């Protein structure tokens, strides 16, 4: 069974583009889809971050919803090519700027293996999986997740 470590909602680790970002969780032994050149069956360390909801996120969400409605209307009236790509969710631009460095006290080299970022309404979340899985020797050791960016 994986170990899940979570932090209280007030553990803000930084600010990105005017939005506070908090540590939302850490989970070991998480399976992920391999990238090109990686073998199947990989497990890693999941790091979760979230944008702190507030007036700034509400303004950005409202603007995004209006832009999305306008895009959908143009797509229906003028066609997909004329409408172009949909607008980017506001949480994506905020959370993609956050870098995370994962270390442990046994010298494991962790690399980003998978990343998912969303952000409108209540979905201002980033899920990053780092590979390899936490080593057994590291299970009882000190591991650290550092914000950088």
C-alpha atoms as a PDB file:
ATOM      1  CA  UNK A   1       0.000   0.000   0.000  1.00  0.00           C
ATOM      2  CA  UNK A   2       1.456   3.384  -0.952  1.00  0.00           C
ATOM      3  CA  UNK A   3       2.365   5.943   1.634  1.00  0.00           C
ATOM      4  CA  UNK A   4       0.381   9.135   1.300  1.00  0.00           C
ATOM      5  CA  UNK A   5       1.625  12.316   2.878  1.00  0.00           C
ATOM      6  CA  UNK A   6      -0.495  15.427   2.714  1.00  0.00           C
ATOM      7  CA  UNK A   7      -0.167  18.920   4.043  1.00  0.00           C
ATOM      8  CA  UNK A   8      -2.701  21.363   5.449  1.00  0.00           C
ATOM      9  CA  UNK A   9      -4.314  23.714   2.941  1.00  0.00           C
ATOM     10  CA  UNK A  10      -2.325  26.658   4.261  1.00  0.00           C
ATOM     11  CA  UNK A  11       1.114  25.241   3.274  1.00  0.00           C
ATOM     12  CA  UNK A  12       1.838  27.793   0.560  1.00  0.00           C
ATOM     13  CA  UNK A  13       5.140  27.076  -1.197  1.00  0.00           C
ATOM     14  CA  UNK A  14       5.283  30.079  -3.487  1.00  0.00           C
ATOM     15  CA  UNK A  15       3.526  32.471  -5.819  1.00  0.00           C
ATOM     16  CA  UNK A  16       3.270  32.133  -9.582  1.00  0.00           C
ATOM     17  CA  UNK A  17       1.933  34.947 -11.746  1.00  0.00           C
ATOM     18  CA  UNK A  18       0.183  36.500  -8.749  1.00  0.00           C
ATOM     19  CA  UNK A  19      -1.493  33.266  -7.578  1.00  0.00           C
ATOM     20  CA  UNK A  20      -0.398  31.505  -4.396  1.00  0.00           C
ATOM     21  CA  UNK A  21       0.492  27.833  -4.903  1.00  0.00           C
ATOM     22  CA  UNK A  22       0.266  25.235  -2.156  1.00  0.00           C
ATOM     23  CA  UNK A  23       1.677  21.768  -1.638  1.00  0.00           C
ATOM     24  CA  UNK A  24      -1.291  19.408  -2.022  1.00  0.00           C
ATOM     25  CA  UNK A  25       0.186  15.943  -1.545  1.00  0.00           C
ATOM     26  CA  UNK A  26       2.833  13.315  -2.069  1.00  0.00           C
ATOM     27  CA  UNK A  27       2.274   9.652  -2.882  1.00  0.00           C
ATOM     28  CA  UNK A  28       4.762   6.865  -3.520  1.00  0.00           C
ATOM     29  CA  UNK A  29       4.389   3.851  -5.807  1.00  0.00           C
ATOM     30  CA  UNK A  30       2.185   5.581  -8.383  1.00  0.00           C
ATOM     31  CA  UNK A  31       1.928   3.852 -11.777  1.00  0.00           C
ATOM     32  CA  UNK A  32       2.226   6.070 -14.842  1.00  0.00           C
ATOM     33  CA  UNK A  33       2.178   5.750 -18.610  1.00  0.00           C
ATOM     34  CA  UNK A  34       5.740   5.465 -19.853  1.00  0.00           C
ATOM     35  CA  UNK A  35       7.283   8.006 -22.188  1.00  0.00           C
ATOM     36  CA  UNK A  36       8.949   6.931 -25.403  1.00  0.00           C
ATOM     37  CA  UNK A  37      11.892   4.682 -24.601  1.00  0.00           C
ATOM     38  CA  UNK A  38      10.710   3.756 -21.099  1.00  0.00           C
ATOM     39  CA  UNK A  39       9.563   0.292 -20.132  1.00  0.00           C
ATOM     40  CA  UNK A  40       6.002  -0.439 -19.012  1.00  0.00           C
ATOM     41  CA  UNK A  41       5.166  -1.059 -15.384  1.00  0.00           C
ATOM     42  CA  UNK A  42       7.017   1.944 -14.019  1.00  0.00           C
ATOM     43  CA  UNK A  43       6.143   3.429 -10.675  1.00  0.00           C
ATOM     44  CA  UNK A  44       7.104   6.814  -9.376  1.00  0.00           C
ATOM     45  CA  UNK A  45       6.601   9.529  -6.825  1.00  0.00           C
ATOM     46  CA  UNK A  46       3.527  11.739  -7.298  1.00  0.00           C
ATOM     47  CA  UNK A  47       3.838  15.382  -6.252  1.00  0.00           C
ATOM     48  CA  UNK A  48       0.626  17.415  -6.236  1.00  0.00           C
ATOM     49  CA  UNK A  49       0.336  21.201  -6.197  1.00  0.00           C
ATOM     50  CA  UNK A  50      -2.753  23.424  -6.250  1.00  0.00           C
ATOM     51  CA  UNK A  51      -3.522  27.064  -6.856  1.00  0.00           C
ATOM     52  CA  UNK A  52      -5.034  28.737  -3.810  1.00  0.00           C
ATOM     53  CA  UNK A  53      -8.556  29.878  -4.678  1.00  0.00           C
ATOM     54  CA  UNK A  54      -9.269  33.558  -4.235  1.00  0.00           C
ATOM     55  CA  UNK A  55     -10.361  36.738  -6.025  1.00  0.00           C
ATOM     56  CA  UNK A  56      -7.565  36.503  -8.624  1.00  0.00           C
ATOM     57  CA  UNK A  57      -8.442  32.921  -9.606  1.00  0.00           C
ATOM     58  CA  UNK A  58     -12.132  33.828  -9.782  1.00  0.00           C
ATOM     59  CA  UNK A  59     -11.425  36.730 -12.159  1.00  0.00           C
ATOM     60  CA  UNK A  60      -9.276  34.493 -14.351  1.00  0.00           C
ATOM     61  CA  UNK A  61     -11.890  31.725 -14.331  1.00  0.00           C
ATOM     62  CA  UNK A  62     -14.634  34.169 -15.398  1.00  0.00           C
ATOM     63  CA  UNK A  63     -12.451  35.526 -18.211  1.00  0.00           C
ATOM     64  CA  UNK A  64     -11.608  31.977 -19.350  1.00  0.00           C
ATOM     65  CA  UNK A  65     -15.261  30.900 -19.373  1.00  0.00           C
ATOM     66  CA  UNK A  66     -16.189  33.940 -21.511  1.00  0.00           C
ATOM     67  CA  UNK A  67     -13.291  33.194 -23.898  1.00  0.00           C
ATOM     68  CA  UNK A  68     -14.294  29.520 -24.075  1.00  0.00           C
ATOM     69  CA  UNK A  69     -17.921  30.407 -24.833  1.00  0.00           C
ATOM     70  CA  UNK A  70     -16.767  32.802 -27.564  1.00  0.00           C
ATOM     71  CA  UNK A  71     -14.464  30.118 -28.998  1.00  0.00           C
ATOM     72  CA  UNK A  72     -17.311  27.538 -28.999  1.00  0.00           C
ATOM     73  CA  UNK A  73     -19.610  30.013 -30.769  1.00  0.00           C
ATOM     74  CA  UNK A  74     -16.964  30.773 -33.434  1.00  0.00           C
ATOM     75  CA  UNK A  75     -16.292  27.065 -33.861  1.00  0.00           C
ATOM     76  CA  UNK A  76     -19.992  26.395 -34.435  1.00  0.00           C
ATOM     77  CA  UNK A  77     -20.539  29.368 -36.764  1.00  0.00           C
ATOM     78  CA  UNK A  78     -17.247  29.459 -38.678  1.00  0.00           C
ATOM     79  CA  UNK A  79     -15.874  25.935 -38.281  1.00  0.00           C
ATOM     80  CA  UNK A  80     -12.996  24.409 -36.312  1.00  0.00           C
ATOM     81  CA  UNK A  81     -10.215  25.776 -38.504  1.00  0.00           C
ATOM     82  CA  UNK A  82     -11.482  29.350 -38.321  1.00  0.00           C
ATOM     83  CA  UNK A  83     -11.999  29.149 -34.557  1.00  0.00           C
ATOM     84  CA  UNK A  84      -8.451  27.931 -33.919  1.00  0.00           C
ATOM     85  CA  UNK A  85      -7.378  26.209 -30.724  1.00  0.00           C
ATOM     86  CA  UNK A  86      -9.446  26.566 -27.546  1.00  0.00           C
ATOM     87  CA  UNK A  87      -8.275  29.056 -24.921  1.00  0.00           C
ATOM     88  CA  UNK A  88      -5.779  27.782 -22.368  1.00  0.00           C
ATOM     89  CA  UNK A  89      -7.131  27.142 -18.880  1.00  0.00           C
ATOM     90  CA  UNK A  90      -5.817  29.818 -16.503  1.00  0.00           C
ATOM     91  CA  UNK A  91      -4.410  27.355 -13.998  1.00  0.00           C
ATOM     92  CA  UNK A  92      -2.211  25.836 -16.687  1.00  0.00           C
ATOM     93  CA  UNK A  93      -0.272  29.048 -17.273  1.00  0.00           C
ATOM     94  CA  UNK A  94       0.162  29.542 -13.518  1.00  0.00           C
ATOM     95  CA  UNK A  95       1.111  25.993 -12.520  1.00  0.00           C
ATOM     96  CA  UNK A  96       3.314  25.117 -15.492  1.00  0.00           C
ATOM     97  CA  UNK A  97       5.761  27.748 -14.256  1.00  0.00           C
ATOM     98  CA  UNK A  98       6.393  25.872 -11.019  1.00  0.00           C
ATOM     99  CA  UNK A  99       9.451  23.643 -10.956  1.00  0.00           C
ATOM    100  CA  UNK A 100       9.964  20.894  -8.414  1.00  0.00           C
ATOM    101  CA  UNK A 101      13.232  19.255  -7.403  1.00  0.00           C
ATOM    102  CA  UNK A 102      12.910  15.895  -5.634  1.00  0.00           C
ATOM    103  CA  UNK A 103      15.847  14.589  -3.573  1.00  0.00           C
ATOM    104  CA  UNK A 104      16.488  11.934  -0.962  1.00  0.00           C
ATOM    105  CA  UNK A 105      19.380  11.125   1.344  1.00  0.00           C
ATOM    106  CA  UNK A 106      20.535   8.053  -0.622  1.00  0.00           C
ATOM    107  CA  UNK A 107      21.401   9.948  -3.801  1.00  0.00           C
ATOM    108  CA  UNK A 108      18.533   8.843  -6.053  1.00  0.00           C
ATOM    109  CA  UNK A 109      18.297  10.906  -9.234  1.00  0.00           C
ATOM    110  CA  UNK A 110      14.622  11.683  -9.853  1.00  0.00           C
ATOM    111  CA  UNK A 111      13.396  12.838 -13.266  1.00  0.00           C
ATOM    112  CA  UNK A 112      10.012  14.170 -14.298  1.00  0.00           C
ATOM    113  CA  UNK A 113       8.218  11.278 -16.014  1.00  0.00           C
ATOM    114  CA  UNK A 114       4.660  12.588 -16.312  1.00  0.00           C
ATOM    115  CA  UNK A 115       2.888  15.903 -15.777  1.00  0.00           C
ATOM    116  CA  UNK A 116      -0.763  16.886 -15.849  1.00  0.00           C
ATOM    117  CA  UNK A 117      -1.935  20.439 -15.248  1.00  0.00           C
ATOM    118  CA  UNK A 118      -5.492  21.765 -15.334  1.00  0.00           C
ATOM    119  CA  UNK A 119      -7.115  24.928 -14.210  1.00  0.00           C
ATOM    120  CA  UNK A 120     -10.558  26.416 -14.449  1.00  0.00           C
ATOM    121  CA  UNK A 121     -13.267  26.337 -11.861  1.00  0.00           C
ATOM    122  CA  UNK A 122     -11.854  24.209  -9.051  1.00  0.00           C
ATOM    123  CA  UNK A 123      -9.219  22.421 -11.147  1.00  0.00           C
ATOM    124  CA  UNK A 124      -6.175  24.548 -10.444  1.00  0.00           C
ATOM    125  CA  UNK A 125      -4.070  21.435  -9.884  1.00  0.00           C
ATOM    126  CA  UNK A 126      -0.755  20.031 -11.062  1.00  0.00           C
ATOM    127  CA  UNK A 127       0.186  16.361 -10.792  1.00  0.00           C
ATOM    128  CA  UNK A 128       3.807  15.491 -11.479  1.00  0.00           C
ATOM    129  CA  UNK A 129       5.221  11.985 -11.325  1.00  0.00           C
ATOM    130  CA  UNK A 130       8.937  11.575 -10.808  1.00  0.00           C
ATOM    131  CA  UNK A 131      10.840   8.429 -11.709  1.00  0.00           C
ATOM    132  CA  UNK A 132      12.152   6.119 -10.385  1.00  0.00           C
ATOM    133  CA  UNK A 133      10.010   5.000  -7.478  1.00  0.00           C
ATOM    134  CA  UNK A 134      11.382   5.837  -4.038  1.00  0.00           C
ATOM    135  CA  UNK A 135      13.997   3.137  -3.308  1.00  0.00           C
ATOM    136  CA  UNK A 136      13.370   0.725  -0.453  1.00  0.00           C
ATOM    137  CA  UNK A 137      16.456   2.103   1.256  1.00  0.00           C
ATOM    138  CA  UNK A 138      14.906   5.544   0.866  1.00  0.00           C
ATOM    139  CA  UNK A 139      11.583   4.515   2.384  1.00  0.00           C
ATOM    140  CA  UNK A 140      12.952   5.116   5.873  1.00  0.00           C
ATOM    141  CA  UNK A 141      15.247   7.923   4.840  1.00  0.00           C
ATOM    142  CA  UNK A 142      14.618  11.606   4.560  1.00  0.00           C
ATOM    143  CA  UNK A 143      13.110  12.629   1.251  1.00  0.00           C
ATOM    144  CA  UNK A 144      12.486  16.211   0.310  1.00  0.00           C
ATOM    145  CA  UNK A 145      10.464  18.009  -2.308  1.00  0.00           C
ATOM    146  CA  UNK A 146      11.740  21.487  -3.117  1.00  0.00           C
ATOM    147  CA  UNK A 147       9.911  24.201  -5.027  1.00  0.00           C
ATOM    148  CA  UNK A 148      11.991  25.965  -7.636  1.00  0.00           C
ATOM    149  CA  UNK A 149      10.788  28.394 -10.207  1.00  0.00           C
END
